[in-house]
PDB file of N, CA and C in Angstrom:
ATOM      1  N   UNK A   1      99.951 113.953 108.714  1.00  0.00           N
ATOM      2  CA  UNK A   1      99.454 114.771 107.588  1.00  0.00           C
ATOM      3  C   UNK A   1      98.626 114.143 106.748  1.00  0.00           C
ATOM      4  N   UNK A   2      98.959 113.031 106.255  1.00  0.00           N
ATOM      5  CA  UNK A   2      98.176 112.403 105.059  1.00  0.00           C
ATOM      6  C   UNK A   2      96.708 112.152 105.709  1.00  0.00           C
ATOM      7  N   UNK A   3      96.542 111.669 106.927  1.00  0.00           N
ATOM      8  CA  UNK A   3      95.252 111.527 107.569  1.00  0.00           C
ATOM      9  C   UNK A   3      94.356 112.942 107.394  1.00  0.00           C
ATOM     10  N   UNK A   4      94.935 113.904 107.972  1.00  0.00           N
ATOM     11  CA  UNK A   4      94.189 115.233 107.952  1.00  0.00           C
ATOM     12  C   UNK A   4      93.955 115.764 106.423  1.00  0.00           C
ATOM     13  N   UNK A   5      94.969 115.388 105.535  1.00  0.00           N
ATOM     14  CA  UNK A   5      94.619 115.880 104.144  1.00  0.00           C
ATOM     15  C   UNK A   5      93.596 115.195 103.633  1.00  0.00           C
ATOM     16  N   UNK A   6      93.387 113.780 103.685  1.00  0.00           N
ATOM     17  CA  UNK A   6      92.379 112.891 103.176  1.00  0.00           C
ATOM     18  C   UNK A   6      90.889 113.345 103.897  1.00  0.00           C
ATOM     19  N   UNK A   7      90.892 113.721 105.065  1.00  0.00           N
ATOM     20  CA  UNK A   7      89.715 113.936 105.896  1.00  0.00           C
ATOM     21  C   UNK A   7      89.123 115.401 105.072  1.00  0.00           C
ATOM     22  N   UNK A   8      90.287 116.322 105.091  1.00  0.00           N
ATOM     23  CA  UNK A   8      89.865 117.676 104.464  1.00  0.00           C
ATOM     24  C   UNK A   8      89.391 117.581 102.936  1.00  0.00           C
ATOM     25  N   UNK A   9      89.974 116.684 102.199  1.00  0.00           N
ATOM     26  CA  UNK A   9      89.684 116.572 100.755  1.00  0.00           C
ATOM     27  C   UNK A   9      88.255 115.936 100.755  1.00  0.00           C
ATOM     28  N   UNK A  10      87.941 115.023 101.763  1.00  0.00           N
ATOM     29  CA  UNK A  10      86.348 114.512 101.755  1.00  0.00           C
ATOM     30  C   UNK A  10      85.716 115.714 102.114  1.00  0.00           C
ATOM     31  N   UNK A  11      86.011 116.543 102.877  1.00  0.00           N
ATOM     32  CA  UNK A  11      84.901 117.707 103.336  1.00  0.00           C
ATOM     33  C   UNK A  11      84.733 118.540 102.087  1.00  0.00           C
ATOM     34  N   UNK A  12      85.814 118.879 101.381  1.00  0.00           N
ATOM     35  CA  UNK A  12      85.720 119.707 100.204  1.00  0.00           C
ATOM     36  C   UNK A  12      84.950 119.091  99.305  1.00  0.00           C
ATOM     37  N   UNK A  13      85.007 117.695  99.048  1.00  0.00           N
ATOM     38  CA  UNK A  13      84.116 116.978  97.977  1.00  0.00           C
ATOM     39  C   UNK A  13      82.754 117.207  98.231  1.00  0.00           C
ATOM     40  N   UNK A  14      82.402 117.120  99.921  1.00  0.00           N
ATOM     41  CA  UNK A  14      81.147 117.199 100.277  1.00  0.00           C
ATOM     42  C   UNK A  14      80.254 118.736 100.069  1.00  0.00           C
ATOM     43  N   UNK A  15      81.130 119.710  99.664  1.00  0.00           N
ATOM     44  CA  UNK A  15      80.715 121.008  99.549  1.00  0.00           C
ATOM     45  C   UNK A  15      80.935 121.462  98.277  1.00  0.00           C
ATOM     46  N   UNK A  16      80.339 120.983  97.163  1.00  0.00           N
ATOM     47  CA  UNK A  16      80.532 121.246  95.695  1.00  0.00           C
ATOM     48  C   UNK A  16      80.282 122.890  95.560  1.00  0.00           C
ATOM     49  N   UNK A  17      79.396 123.443  96.265  1.00  0.00           N
ATOM     50  CA  UNK A  17      79.095 124.865  96.239  1.00  0.00           C
ATOM     51  C   UNK A  17      79.838 125.693  97.285  1.00  0.00           C
ATOM     52  N   UNK A  18      80.826 125.118  97.851  1.00  0.00           N
ATOM     53  CA  UNK A  18      81.522 126.008  98.870  1.00  0.00           C
ATOM     54  C   UNK A  18      80.993 125.694 100.240  1.00  0.00           C
ATOM     55  N   UNK A  19      81.727 126.041 101.391  1.00  0.00           N
ATOM     56  CA  UNK A  19      81.084 125.831 102.602  1.00  0.00           C
ATOM     57  C   UNK A  19      82.364 126.153 103.650  1.00  0.00           C
ATOM     58  N   UNK A  20      82.279 125.559 104.863  1.00  0.00           N
ATOM     59  CA  UNK A  20      83.122 125.908 105.988  1.00  0.00           C
ATOM     60  C   UNK A  20      83.805 124.735 106.514  1.00  0.00           C
ATOM     61  N   UNK A  21      85.136 124.589 106.798  1.00  0.00           N
ATOM     62  CA  UNK A  21      85.639 123.480 107.412  1.00  0.00           C
ATOM     63  C   UNK A  21      86.421 124.061 108.499  1.00  0.00           C
ATOM     64  N   UNK A  22      86.205 123.531 109.738  1.00  0.00           N
ATOM     65  CA  UNK A  22      87.010 123.911 111.100  1.00  0.00           C
ATOM     66  C   UNK A  22      87.796 122.735 111.462  1.00  0.00           C
ATOM     67  N   UNK A  23      88.969 123.192 112.017  1.00  0.00           N
ATOM     68  CA  UNK A  23      89.825 122.084 112.600  1.00  0.00           C
ATOM     69  C   UNK A  23      90.080 122.510 114.066  1.00  0.00           C
ATOM     70  N   UNK A  24      89.854 121.715 115.033  1.00  0.00           N
ATOM     71  CA  UNK A  24      90.004 122.021 116.431  1.00  0.00           C
ATOM     72  C   UNK A  24      90.928 121.092 117.023  1.00  0.00           C
ATOM     73  N   UNK A  25      92.085 121.419 117.801  1.00  0.00           N
ATOM     74  CA  UNK A  25      92.839 120.479 118.314  1.00  0.00           C
ATOM     75  C   UNK A  25      92.928 120.761 119.872  1.00  0.00           C
ATOM     76  N   UNK A  26      92.652 119.886 120.721  1.00  0.00           N
ATOM     77  CA  UNK A  26      92.608 119.962 122.211  1.00  0.00           C
ATOM     78  C   UNK A  26      93.573 118.837 122.691  1.00  0.00           C
ATOM     79  N   UNK A  27      93.980 119.202 123.833  1.00  0.00           N
ATOM     80  CA  UNK A  27      94.830 118.203 124.663  1.00  0.00           C
ATOM     81  C   UNK A  27      93.777 117.621 125.620  1.00  0.00           C
ATOM     82  N   UNK A  28      93.942 116.397 126.058  1.00  0.00           N
ATOM     83  CA  UNK A  28      93.165 115.721 126.953  1.00  0.00           C
ATOM     84  C   UNK A  28      94.237 115.147 128.052  1.00  0.00           C
ATOM     85  N   UNK A  29      94.734 115.982 129.035  1.00  0.00           N
ATOM     86  CA  UNK A  29      95.762 115.586 129.926  1.00  0.00           C
ATOM     87  C   UNK A  29      95.302 114.270 130.642  1.00  0.00           C
ATOM     88  N   UNK A  30      94.021 114.096 130.860  1.00  0.00           N
ATOM     89  CA  UNK A  30      93.640 112.926 131.730  1.00  0.00           C
ATOM     90  C   UNK A  30      93.702 111.539 131.029  1.00  0.00           C
ATOM     91  N   UNK A  31      93.559 111.664 129.657  1.00  0.00           N
ATOM     92  CA  UNK A  31      93.596 110.325 128.881  1.00  0.00           C
ATOM     93  C   UNK A  31      95.047 110.331 128.206  1.00  0.00           C
ATOM     94  N   UNK A  32      95.866 111.528 128.232  1.00  0.00           N
ATOM     95  CA  UNK A  32      97.133 111.576 127.661  1.00  0.00           C
ATOM     96  C   UNK A  32      97.018 111.541 126.168  1.00  0.00           C
ATOM     97  N   UNK A  33      95.751 112.230 125.463  1.00  0.00           N
ATOM     98  CA  UNK A  33      95.510 112.121 124.089  1.00  0.00           C
ATOM     99  C   UNK A  33      95.495 113.590 123.587  1.00  0.00           C
ATOM    100  N   UNK A  34      95.643 113.719 122.341  1.00  0.00           N
ATOM    101  CA  UNK A  34      95.422 114.880 121.706  1.00  0.00           C
ATOM    102  C   UNK A  34      93.937 114.698 120.914  1.00  0.00           C
ATOM    103  N   UNK A  35      92.998 115.476 120.923  1.00  0.00           N
ATOM    104  CA  UNK A  35      91.800 115.305 120.014  1.00  0.00           C
ATOM    105  C   UNK A  35      91.735 116.364 119.090  1.00  0.00           C
ATOM    106  N   UNK A  36      91.671 115.768 117.728  1.00  0.00           N
ATOM    107  CA  UNK A  36      91.510 116.718 116.604  1.00  0.00           C
ATOM    108  C   UNK A  36      90.203 116.548 116.018  1.00  0.00           C
ATOM    109  N   UNK A  37      89.349 117.683 115.893  1.00  0.00           N
ATOM    110  CA  UNK A  37      88.066 117.551 115.171  1.00  0.00           C
ATOM    111  C   UNK A  37      88.135 118.312 113.928  1.00  0.00           C
ATOM    112  N   UNK A  38      87.567 117.771 112.988  1.00  0.00           N
ATOM    113  CA  UNK A  38      87.487 118.322 111.711  1.00  0.00           C
ATOM    114  C   UNK A  38      86.060 118.174 111.311  1.00  0.00           C
ATOM    115  N   UNK A  39      85.433 119.459 111.087  1.00  0.00           N
ATOM    116  CA  UNK A  39      83.965 119.572 110.862  1.00  0.00           C
ATOM    117  C   UNK A  39      83.721 120.374 109.609  1.00  0.00           C
ATOM    118  N   UNK A  40      82.782 119.980 108.980  1.00  0.00           N
ATOM    119  CA  UNK A  40      82.313 120.641 107.661  1.00  0.00           C
ATOM    120  C   UNK A  40      80.710 120.800 107.624  1.00  0.00           C
ATOM    121  N   UNK A  41      80.353 121.811 106.858  1.00  0.00           N
ATOM    122  CA  UNK A  41      78.932 121.932 106.838  1.00  0.00           C
ATOM    123  C   UNK A  41      78.438 121.621 105.414  1.00  0.00           C
ATOM    124  N   UNK A  42      78.769 120.259 104.973  1.00  0.00           N
ATOM    125  CA  UNK A  42      78.654 119.795 103.706  1.00  0.00           C
ATOM    126  C   UNK A  42      77.325 119.038 103.739  1.00  0.00           C
ATOM    127  N   UNK A  43      77.272 118.024 102.926  1.00  0.00           N
ATOM    128  CA  UNK A  43      75.972 117.373 102.725  1.00  0.00           C
ATOM    129  C   UNK A  43      75.949 116.385 103.657  1.00  0.00           C
ATOM    130  N   UNK A  44      76.681 115.830 104.436  1.00  0.00           N
ATOM    131  CA  UNK A  44      76.518 114.920 105.452  1.00  0.00           C
ATOM    132  C   UNK A  44      76.579 113.573 104.971  1.00  0.00           C
ATOM    133  N   UNK A  45      76.414 112.544 105.755  1.00  0.00           N
ATOM    134  CA  UNK A  45      76.425 111.072 105.344  1.00  0.00           C
ATOM    135  C   UNK A  45      75.205 110.434 106.100  1.00  0.00           C
ATOM    136  N   UNK A  46      74.444 109.739 105.332  1.00  0.00           N
ATOM    137  CA  UNK A  46      73.208 109.047 105.819  1.00  0.00           C
ATOM    138  C   UNK A  46      73.791 107.907 106.791  1.00  0.00           C
ATOM    139  N   UNK A  47      72.838 107.789 107.792  1.00  0.00           N
ATOM    140  CA  UNK A  47      73.326 106.698 108.883  1.00  0.00           C
ATOM    141  C   UNK A  47      73.671 105.494 108.471  1.00  0.00           C
ATOM    142  N   UNK A  48      72.964 104.974 107.420  1.00  0.00           N
ATOM    143  CA  UNK A  48      73.303 103.636 106.966  1.00  0.00           C
ATOM    144  C   UNK A  48      74.580 103.540 106.261  1.00  0.00           C
ATOM    145  N   UNK A  49      75.284 104.536 105.931  1.00  0.00           N
ATOM    146  CA  UNK A  49      76.505 104.510 105.118  1.00  0.00           C
ATOM    147  C   UNK A  49      77.770 104.855 106.095  1.00  0.00           C
ATOM    148  N   UNK A  50      77.441 105.320 107.413  1.00  0.00           N
ATOM    149  CA  UNK A  50      78.397 105.609 108.169  1.00  0.00           C
ATOM    150  C   UNK A  50      79.392 104.532 108.586  1.00  0.00           C
ATOM    151  N   UNK A  51      78.794 103.191 108.684  1.00  0.00           N
ATOM    152  CA  UNK A  51      79.725 102.128 108.811  1.00  0.00           C
ATOM    153  C   UNK A  51      80.432 101.628 107.650  1.00  0.00           C
ATOM    154  N   UNK A  52      80.138 102.292 106.485  1.00  0.00           N
ATOM    155  CA  UNK A  52      80.895 101.701 105.333  1.00  0.00           C
ATOM    156  C   UNK A  52      81.912 102.584 104.791  1.00  0.00           C
ATOM    157  N   UNK A  53      81.874 103.786 105.444  1.00  0.00           N
ATOM    158  CA  UNK A  53      82.763 104.975 104.673  1.00  0.00           C
ATOM    159  C   UNK A  53      84.307 104.672 104.926  1.00  0.00           C
ATOM    160  N   UNK A  54      84.657 103.967 105.799  1.00  0.00           N
ATOM    161  CA  UNK A  54      86.145 103.454 105.997  1.00  0.00           C
ATOM    162  C   UNK A  54      86.550 102.325 105.313  1.00  0.00           C
ATOM    163  N   UNK A  55      85.507 101.617 104.598  1.00  0.00           N
ATOM    164  CA  UNK A  55      85.876 100.291 103.873  1.00  0.00           C
ATOM    165  C   UNK A  55      86.562 100.745 102.598  1.00  0.00           C
ATOM    166  N   UNK A  56      87.744 100.082 102.263  1.00  0.00           N
ATOM    167  CA  UNK A  56      88.374 100.251 100.973  1.00  0.00           C
ATOM    168  C   UNK A  56      87.501 100.163  99.759  1.00  0.00           C
ATOM    169  N   UNK A  57      87.693 101.134  98.892  1.00  0.00           N
ATOM    170  CA  UNK A  57      86.986 101.260  97.814  1.00  0.00           C
ATOM    171  C   UNK A  57      85.262 101.610  97.833  1.00  0.00           C
ATOM    172  N   UNK A  58      84.891 101.918  99.096  1.00  0.00           N
ATOM    173  CA  UNK A  58      83.542 102.385  99.129  1.00  0.00           C
ATOM    174  C   UNK A  58      83.553 103.919  98.935  1.00  0.00           C
ATOM    175  N   UNK A  59      82.613 104.337  98.062  1.00  0.00           N
ATOM    176  CA  UNK A  59      82.459 105.664  97.752  1.00  0.00           C
ATOM    177  C   UNK A  59      81.019 105.989  97.521  1.00  0.00           C
ATOM    178  N   UNK A  60      80.589 107.070  97.954  1.00  0.00           N
ATOM    179  CA  UNK A  60      79.176 107.444  97.734  1.00  0.00           C
ATOM    180  C   UNK A  60      78.919 108.367  96.567  1.00  0.00           C
ATOM    181  N   UNK A  61      80.215 108.712  95.749  1.00  0.00           N
ATOM    182  CA  UNK A  61      80.376 109.512  94.789  1.00  0.00           C
ATOM    183  C   UNK A  61      80.231 108.832  93.595  1.00  0.00           C
ATOM    184  N   UNK A  62      79.453 109.201  92.645  1.00  0.00           N
ATOM    185  CA  UNK A  62      79.253 108.825  91.330  1.00  0.00           C
ATOM    186  C   UNK A  62      80.417 108.744  90.449  1.00  0.00           C
ATOM    187  N   UNK A  63      81.057 109.977  90.648  1.00  0.00           N
ATOM    188  CA  UNK A  63      82.417 110.297  89.816  1.00  0.00           C
ATOM    189  C   UNK A  63      83.374 109.016  89.893  1.00  0.00           C
ATOM    190  N   UNK A  64      83.841 108.561  88.688  1.00  0.00           N
ATOM    191  CA  UNK A  64      84.734 107.313  88.694  1.00  0.00           C
ATOM    192  C   UNK A  64      86.143 107.648  89.182  1.00  0.00           C
ATOM    193  N   UNK A  65      86.288 108.915  89.175  1.00  0.00           N
ATOM    194  CA  UNK A  65      87.681 109.374  89.617  1.00  0.00           C
ATOM    195  C   UNK A  65      87.755 109.230  91.181  1.00  0.00           C
ATOM    196  N   UNK A  66      86.800 109.152  91.876  1.00  0.00           N
ATOM    197  CA  UNK A  66      86.796 108.826  93.201  1.00  0.00           C
ATOM    198  C   UNK A  66      87.027 107.276  93.473  1.00  0.00           C
ATOM    199  N   UNK A  67      88.120 107.026  94.295  1.00  0.00           N
ATOM    200  CA  UNK A  67      88.536 105.567  94.365  1.00  0.00           C
ATOM    201  C   UNK A  67      87.913 105.086  95.703  1.00  0.00           C
ATOM    202  N   UNK A  68      87.477 105.826  96.697  1.00  0.00           N
ATOM    203  CA  UNK A  68      87.100 105.400  97.980  1.00  0.00           C
ATOM    204  C   UNK A  68      88.155 104.828  98.915  1.00  0.00           C
ATOM    205  N   UNK A  69      89.411 105.369  98.855  1.00  0.00           N
ATOM    206  CA  UNK A  69      90.491 104.943  99.665  1.00  0.00           C
ATOM    207  C   UNK A  69      90.925 105.933 100.863  1.00  0.00           C
ATOM    208  N   UNK A  70      90.247 107.245 100.822  1.00  0.00           N
ATOM    209  CA  UNK A  70      90.720 108.277 101.619  1.00  0.00           C
ATOM    210  C   UNK A  70      90.400 107.886 103.105  1.00  0.00           C
ATOM    211  N   UNK A  71      89.237 107.531 103.343  1.00  0.00           N
ATOM    212  CA  UNK A  71      89.039 107.216 104.983  1.00  0.00           C
ATOM    213  C   UNK A  71      89.491 105.940 105.238  1.00  0.00           C
ATOM    214  N   UNK A  72      89.683 105.074 104.390  1.00  0.00           N
ATOM    215  CA  UNK A  72      90.213 103.746 104.688  1.00  0.00           C
ATOM    216  C   UNK A  72      91.766 103.975 105.016  1.00  0.00           C
ATOM    217  N   UNK A  73      92.401 104.810 104.359  1.00  0.00           N
ATOM    218  CA  UNK A  73      93.911 105.113 104.738  1.00  0.00           C
ATOM    219  C   UNK A  73      93.813 105.892 105.992  1.00  0.00           C
ATOM    220  N   UNK A  74      92.765 106.857 106.256  1.00  0.00           N
ATOM    221  CA  UNK A  74      92.750 107.536 107.556  1.00  0.00           C
ATOM    222  C   UNK A  74      92.725 106.608 108.624  1.00  0.00           C
ATOM    223  N   UNK A  75      91.927 105.542 108.444  1.00  0.00           N
ATOM    224  CA  UNK A  75      91.624 104.460 109.513  1.00  0.00           C
ATOM    225  C   UNK A  75      92.878 103.770 109.887  1.00  0.00           C
ATOM    226  N   UNK A  76      93.644 103.341 108.845  1.00  0.00           N
ATOM    227  CA  UNK A  76      94.773 102.656 109.078  1.00  0.00           C
ATOM    228  C   UNK A  76      95.963 103.360 109.631  1.00  0.00           C
ATOM    229  N   UNK A  77      96.051 104.766 109.310  1.00  0.00           N
ATOM    230  CA  UNK A  77      97.052 105.508 109.815  1.00  0.00           C
ATOM    231  C   UNK A  77      96.742 105.737 111.353  1.00  0.00           C
ATOM    232  N   UNK A  78      95.657 106.172 111.501  1.00  0.00           N
ATOM    233  CA  UNK A  78      95.302 106.329 113.162  1.00  0.00           C
ATOM    234  C   UNK A  78      95.555 104.981 113.878  1.00  0.00           C
ATOM    235  N   UNK A  79      95.201 103.838 113.290  1.00  0.00           N
ATOM    236  CA  UNK A  79      95.220 102.618 114.000  1.00  0.00           C
ATOM    237  C   UNK A  79      96.807 102.280 114.244  1.00  0.00           C
ATOM    238  N   UNK A  80      97.600 102.576 113.094  1.00  0.00           N
ATOM    239  CA  UNK A  80      99.022 102.284 113.189  1.00  0.00           C
ATOM    240  C   UNK A  80      99.727 103.170 114.242  1.00  0.00           C
ATOM    241  N   UNK A  81      99.107 104.441 114.744  1.00  0.00           N
ATOM    242  CA  UNK A  81      99.768 105.111 115.722  1.00  0.00           C
ATOM    243  C   UNK A  81      99.034 105.070 117.046  1.00  0.00           C
ATOM    244  N   UNK A  82      98.387 103.888 117.162  1.00  0.00           N
ATOM    245  CA  UNK A  82      97.682 103.703 118.517  1.00  0.00           C
ATOM    246  C   UNK A  82      96.516 104.547 118.884  1.00  0.00           C
ATOM    247  N   UNK A  83      95.837 105.205 117.802  1.00  0.00           N
ATOM    248  CA  UNK A  83      94.820 106.137 118.097  1.00  0.00           C
ATOM    249  C   UNK A  83      93.522 105.475 117.670  1.00  0.00           C
ATOM    250  N   UNK A  84      92.449 106.313 117.851  1.00  0.00           N
ATOM    251  CA  UNK A  84      91.010 106.027 117.588  1.00  0.00           C
ATOM    252  C   UNK A  84      90.410 106.953 116.839  1.00  0.00           C
ATOM    253  N   UNK A  85      89.333 106.782 116.186  1.00  0.00           N
ATOM    254  CA  UNK A  85      88.655 107.918 115.435  1.00  0.00           C
ATOM    255  C   UNK A  85      87.198 107.621 115.554  1.00  0.00           C
ATOM    256  N   UNK A  86      86.454 108.764 115.192  1.00  0.00           N
ATOM    257  CA  UNK A  86      84.884 108.541 115.265  1.00  0.00           C
ATOM    258  C   UNK A  86      84.290 109.719 114.172  1.00  0.00           C
ATOM    259  N   UNK A  87      83.251 109.306 113.700  1.00  0.00           N
ATOM    260  CA  UNK A  87      82.513 110.076 112.366  1.00  0.00           C
ATOM    261  C   UNK A  87      81.059 110.314 112.957  1.00  0.00           C
ATOM    262  N   UNK A  88      80.822 111.606 113.137  1.00  0.00           N
ATOM    263  CA  UNK A  88      79.523 111.980 113.540  1.00  0.00           C
ATOM    264  C   UNK A  88      78.991 112.791 112.287  1.00  0.00           C
ATOM    265  N   UNK A  89      77.729 112.463 111.871  1.00  0.00           N
ATOM    266  CA  UNK A  89      77.283 113.258 110.674  1.00  0.00           C
ATOM    267  C   UNK A  89      75.781 113.302 110.722  1.00  0.00           C
ATOM    268  N   UNK A  90      75.225 114.489 110.131  1.00  0.00           N
ATOM    269  CA  UNK A  90      73.795 114.604 109.994  1.00  0.00           C
ATOM    270  C   UNK A  90      73.504 114.990 108.456  1.00  0.00           C
ATOM    271  N   UNK A  91      72.857 114.182 107.893  1.00  0.00           N
ATOM    272  CA  UNK A  91      72.539 114.420 106.417  1.00  0.00           C
ATOM    273  C   UNK A  91      72.041 115.847 106.210  1.00  0.00           C
ATOM    274  N   UNK A  92      72.616 116.516 105.254  1.00  0.00           N
ATOM    275  CA  UNK A  92      72.089 118.003 104.975  1.00  0.00           C
ATOM    276  C   UNK A  92      72.769 119.112 105.836  1.00  0.00           C
ATOM    277  N   UNK A  93      73.475 118.659 106.990  1.00  0.00           N
ATOM    278  CA  UNK A  93      74.067 119.591 107.860  1.00  0.00           C
ATOM    279  C   UNK A  93      75.489 119.579 108.097  1.00  0.00           C
ATOM    280  N   UNK A  94      76.222 118.431 107.788  1.00  0.00           N
ATOM    281  CA  UNK A  94      77.585 118.287 107.831  1.00  0.00           C
ATOM    282  C   UNK A  94      78.118 116.915 108.510  1.00  0.00           C
ATOM    283  N   UNK A  95      79.530 116.971 108.642  1.00  0.00           N
ATOM    284  CA  UNK A  95      80.103 115.895 109.291  1.00  0.00           C
ATOM    285  C   UNK A  95      81.205 116.417 110.149  1.00  0.00           C
ATOM    286  N   UNK A  96      81.421 115.569 111.139  1.00  0.00           N
ATOM    287  CA  UNK A  96      82.522 115.813 112.092  1.00  0.00           C
ATOM    288  C   UNK A  96      83.484 114.550 112.194  1.00  0.00           C
ATOM    289  N   UNK A  97      84.666 114.468 111.837  1.00  0.00           N
ATOM    290  CA  UNK A  97      85.455 113.431 112.190  1.00  0.00           C
ATOM    291  C   UNK A  97      86.538 113.657 113.279  1.00  0.00           C
ATOM    292  N   UNK A  98      86.463 113.010 114.290  1.00  0.00           N
ATOM    293  CA  UNK A  98      87.109 113.159 115.453  1.00  0.00           C
ATOM    294  C   UNK A  98      88.455 112.253 115.595  1.00  0.00           C
ATOM    295  N   UNK A  99      89.635 112.598 115.612  1.00  0.00           N
ATOM    296  CA  UNK A  99      90.795 111.598 115.858  1.00  0.00           C
ATOM    297  C   UNK A  99      91.363 111.790 117.264  1.00  0.00           C
ATOM    298  N   UNK A 100      91.767 110.713 117.763  1.00  0.00           N
ATOM    299  CA  UNK A 100      92.255 110.587 119.179  1.00  0.00           C
ATOM    300  C   UNK A 100      93.755 110.038 119.087  1.00  0.00           C
ATOM    301  N   UNK A 101      94.776 110.762 119.396  1.00  0.00           N
ATOM    302  CA  UNK A 101      96.013 110.341 119.252  1.00  0.00           C
ATOM    303  C   UNK A 101      96.674 110.586 120.485  1.00  0.00           C
ATOM    304  N   UNK A 102      97.597 109.624 120.740  1.00  0.00           N
ATOM    305  CA  UNK A 102      98.443 109.724 121.948  1.00  0.00           C
ATOM    306  C   UNK A 102      99.472 110.739 121.743  1.00  0.00           C
ATOM    307  N   UNK A 103      99.477 111.404 122.918  1.00  0.00           N
ATOM    308  CA  UNK A 103     100.628 112.469 123.057  1.00  0.00           C
ATOM    309  C   UNK A 103     101.819 111.878 122.940  1.00  0.00           C
ATOM    310  N   UNK A 104     102.984 112.497 122.475  1.00  0.00           N
ATOM    311  CA  UNK A 104     104.245 111.897 122.361  1.00  0.00           C
ATOM    312  C   UNK A 104     104.914 112.300 123.700  1.00  0.00           C
ATOM    313  N   UNK A 105     105.678 111.398 124.226  1.00  0.00           N
ATOM    314  CA  UNK A 105     106.433 111.647 125.516  1.00  0.00           C
ATOM    315  C   UNK A 105     107.268 112.853 125.412  1.00  0.00           C
ATOM    316  N   UNK A 106     107.390 113.472 126.448  1.00  0.00           N
ATOM    317  CA  UNK A 106     108.545 114.643 126.379  1.00  0.00           C
ATOM    318  C   UNK A 106     109.716 114.137 126.518  1.00  0.00           C
ATOM    319  N   UNK A 107     110.647 114.795 125.724  1.00  0.00           N
ATOM    320  CA  UNK A 107     112.086 114.430 125.613  1.00  0.00           C
ATOM    321  C   UNK A 107     112.961 115.353 126.528  1.00  0.00           C
ATOM    322  N   UNK A 108     113.473 114.652 127.434  1.00  0.00           N
ATOM    323  CA  UNK A 108     114.361 115.548 128.400  1.00  0.00           C
ATOM    324  C   UNK A 108     115.514 115.816 127.788  1.00  0.00           C
ATOM    325  N   UNK A 109     116.238 116.977 128.178  1.00  0.00           N
ATOM    326  CA  UNK A 109     117.627 117.238 127.883  1.00  0.00           C
ATOM    327  C   UNK A 109     117.757 118.671 127.410  1.00  0.00           C
TER     328      UNK A 109
END
């Protein structure tokens, strides 16, 4: 939940005049994963910044209230659950964050 909320908050921050956020969850039976894609049509992230966005305290925002921890926390949560993530972005067009998480084993009974 925290990971999703942090990603959604980043999307909201990237759309100061409003915009659209879509969340799609799909299961990938062949890999045993669930894939969650969060896409916004905000400002996007420049290619040279994509590698830095998950570093603690990195922020492209000028506002001092932004601490730059949101995506670092997402990275750590996903890693702690044995998952992976990817960020794809086009400046001026938006960003997609993709989370790959292991599906829980079925409980019998």
